Amino acid sequence: MTDPAPINETDLERLGRERDEKRAKAKAAWEAQRVLDLRALGDLEDEHGLSSVGFLNVPHTPGLPTLIACKVPEPKYFKRYKERVRPKGAKAEIGNISDALDELGAACRIYPDDDTFKALLDARPGVLTQLGSKAAELASAHEADDAKP
């Protein structure tokens, strides 16, 4: 067995520097997008109420938001969600739950806009289900602890 070629320190330094530069550019892009997203979130919280808006952070993809937001579901949407999760006399199935969460997320999404969200779904296909889960959480009470706004 032959020993591997010695590592060239200059290559390691260069590659490390290139990675650091990429990370710095990515961080700057994330920060610029995050400012826009947080401003929009603040406006939505003013419009709907702090406790009526939920959001999830999304790993940054250039040109896409760093968060998604939903509002408390209207009673008709929450009722439909519950019926989809467990139809009368049926056993709850994972497919039913996932589909129901997707529907609830779509009904309650308030950020970003439709076109941007479609692009986000192409990049992060699981976020709609997670958003539905967040909307269901907003419709419910929380376990006892000190009341939070």
Protein backbone atom coordinates (compact mmCIF):
# COMPACT_ATOMS: atom_id res chain seq x y z
CA MET A 1 0.00 0.00 0.00
CA THR A 2 1.36 3.38 -0.93
CA ASP A 3 1.22 6.43 1.27
CA PRO A 4 -1.10 9.20 0.08
CA ALA A 5 0.49 12.25 -1.46
CA PRO A 6 1.40 14.91 1.10
CA ILE A 7 -1.18 17.62 1.56
CA ASN A 8 -0.17 20.97 0.22
CA GLU A 9 -0.74 23.54 2.98
CA THR A 10 -1.31 26.23 0.40
CA ASP A 11 -4.24 24.26 -1.08
CA LEU A 12 -5.78 23.84 2.37
CA GLU A 13 -5.47 27.51 3.14
CA ARG A 14 -6.92 28.51 -0.23
CA LEU A 15 -9.85 26.11 0.06
CA GLY A 16 -10.54 27.26 3.60
CA ARG A 17 -10.46 30.90 2.54
CA GLU A 18 -12.82 30.19 -0.41
CA ARG A 19 -15.29 28.44 1.89
CA ASP A 20 -15.12 31.33 4.36
CA GLU A 21 -15.83 33.79 1.54
CA LYS A 22 -18.84 31.75 0.37
CA ARG A 23 -20.17 31.62 3.91
CA ALA A 24 -19.73 35.37 4.35
CA LYS A 25 -21.63 36.07 1.10
CA ALA A 26 -24.38 33.63 2.09
CA LYS A 27 -24.66 35.23 5.53
CA ALA A 28 -24.94 38.71 4.00
CA ALA A 29 -27.68 37.51 1.62
CA TRP A 30 -29.52 35.82 4.49
CA GLU A 31 -29.31 38.97 6.63
CA ALA A 32 -30.66 41.17 3.83
CA GLN A 33 -33.57 38.78 3.24
CA ARG A 34 -34.18 38.34 6.96
CA VAL A 35 -34.70 42.09 7.39
CA LEU A 36 -37.42 42.02 4.72
CA ASP A 37 -39.04 38.94 6.24
CA LEU A 38 -39.07 40.30 9.79
CA ARG A 39 -40.59 43.59 8.62
CA ALA A 40 -43.34 41.67 6.84
CA LEU A 41 -43.86 39.48 9.91
CA GLY A 42 -44.19 42.55 12.11
CA ASP A 43 -46.84 43.98 9.79
CA LEU A 44 -48.75 40.68 9.84
CA GLU A 45 -48.60 40.55 13.64
CA ASP A 46 -49.98 44.11 13.75
CA GLU A 47 -52.77 43.12 11.37
CA HIS A 48 -53.77 39.77 12.90
CA GLY A 49 -52.49 40.04 16.48
CA LEU A 50 -49.28 38.72 18.03
CA SER A 51 -50.85 35.53 19.36
CA SER A 52 -52.70 34.88 16.09
CA VAL A 53 -49.62 34.62 13.86
CA GLY A 54 -47.10 31.82 13.83
CA PHE A 55 -43.97 31.44 11.79
CA LEU A 56 -41.31 28.90 10.96
CA ASN A 57 -37.73 29.60 9.99
CA VAL A 58 -36.68 28.20 6.64
CA PRO A 59 -33.08 27.46 5.65
CA HIS A 60 -32.07 30.21 3.28
CA THR A 61 -32.15 29.64 -0.44
CA PRO A 62 -31.04 32.69 -2.45
CA GLY A 63 -34.03 34.69 -3.64
CA LEU A 64 -36.43 33.05 -1.20
CA PRO A 65 -37.67 34.05 2.25
CA THR A 66 -36.09 32.91 5.50
CA LEU A 67 -39.46 32.32 7.15
CA ILE A 68 -43.05 31.38 6.41
CA ALA A 69 -46.06 32.54 8.39
CA CYS A 70 -49.63 31.51 9.04
CA LYS A 71 -52.59 32.81 11.01
CA VAL A 72 -55.03 31.08 13.33
CA PRO A 73 -57.35 28.96 11.22
CA GLU A 74 -60.95 30.00 10.79
CA PRO A 75 -63.27 27.53 12.53
CA LYS A 76 -64.44 26.03 9.21
CA TYR A 77 -60.85 25.22 8.20
CA PHE A 78 -60.01 23.73 11.57
CA LYS A 79 -63.18 21.61 11.49
CA ARG A 80 -62.26 20.33 8.02
CA TYR A 81 -58.76 19.56 9.26
CA LYS A 82 -60.11 17.48 12.15
CA GLU A 83 -62.50 15.62 9.85
CA ARG A 84 -59.66 14.85 7.44
CA VAL A 85 -57.35 13.63 10.18
CA ARG A 86 -59.92 11.16 11.41
CA PRO A 87 -62.94 10.63 9.18
CA LYS A 88 -66.02 9.26 10.97
CA GLY A 89 -65.47 5.64 11.94
CA ALA A 90 -62.06 5.52 10.26
CA LYS A 91 -58.69 4.82 11.70
CA ALA A 92 -56.26 7.75 11.55
CA GLU A 93 -53.68 7.22 8.81
CA ILE A 94 -50.47 9.09 8.17
CA GLY A 95 -51.60 10.04 4.65
CA ASN A 96 -54.78 11.57 6.03
CA ILE A 97 -52.83 13.57 8.59
CA SER A 98 -50.28 14.85 6.09
CA ASP A 99 -52.93 15.82 3.55
CA ALA A 100 -55.00 17.52 6.26
CA LEU A 101 -51.97 19.50 7.46
CA ASP A 102 -51.18 20.53 3.89
CA GLU A 103 -54.75 21.81 3.42
CA LEU A 104 -54.69 23.65 6.73
CA GLY A 105 -51.31 25.21 5.93
CA ALA A 106 -52.54 26.36 2.52
CA ALA A 107 -55.69 27.87 4.03
CA CYS A 108 -53.83 29.72 6.78
CA ARG A 109 -50.63 30.85 5.02
CA ILE A 110 -50.18 34.60 5.10
CA TYR A 111 -46.51 34.90 4.10
CA PRO A 112 -44.95 34.80 1.55
CA ASP A 113 -47.10 35.54 -1.50
CA ASP A 114 -48.36 32.75 -3.76
CA ASP A 115 -45.61 32.85 -6.40
CA THR A 116 -42.81 33.03 -3.85
CA PHE A 117 -44.36 30.23 -1.82
CA LYS A 118 -44.59 28.03 -4.92
CA ALA A 119 -40.88 28.56 -5.53
CA LEU A 120 -40.19 27.86 -1.87
CA LEU A 121 -42.12 24.58 -2.11
CA ASP A 122 -39.91 23.56 -5.01
CA ALA A 123 -36.86 24.16 -2.82
CA ARG A 124 -38.31 22.90 0.50
CA PRO A 125 -41.26 20.58 -0.26
CA GLY A 126 -42.00 19.76 3.38
CA VAL A 127 -42.73 23.28 4.58
CA LEU A 128 -46.44 23.24 3.75
CA THR A 129 -47.06 20.31 6.09
CA GLN A 130 -45.05 22.01 8.82
CA LEU A 131 -46.99 25.23 8.30
CA GLY A 132 -50.25 23.33 8.71
CA SER A 133 -48.94 21.92 11.97
CA LYS A 134 -48.09 25.44 13.13
CA ALA A 135 -51.61 26.63 12.22
CA ALA A 136 -53.16 23.75 14.19
CA GLU A 137 -50.95 24.70 17.13
CA LEU A 138 -52.19 28.31 16.92
CA ALA A 139 -55.79 27.07 17.13
CA SER A 140 -55.11 25.29 20.40
CA ALA A 141 -54.29 26.13 24.00
CA HIS A 142 -50.88 25.48 25.52
CA GLU A 143 -49.93 23.61 28.63
CA ALA A 144 -49.96 25.68 31.78
CA ASP A 145 -46.98 27.91 32.35
CA ASP A 146 -46.66 31.62 32.88
CA ALA A 147 -48.94 33.30 30.38
CA LYS A 148 -47.08 34.69 27.42
CA PRO A 149 -48.40 37.23 24.91
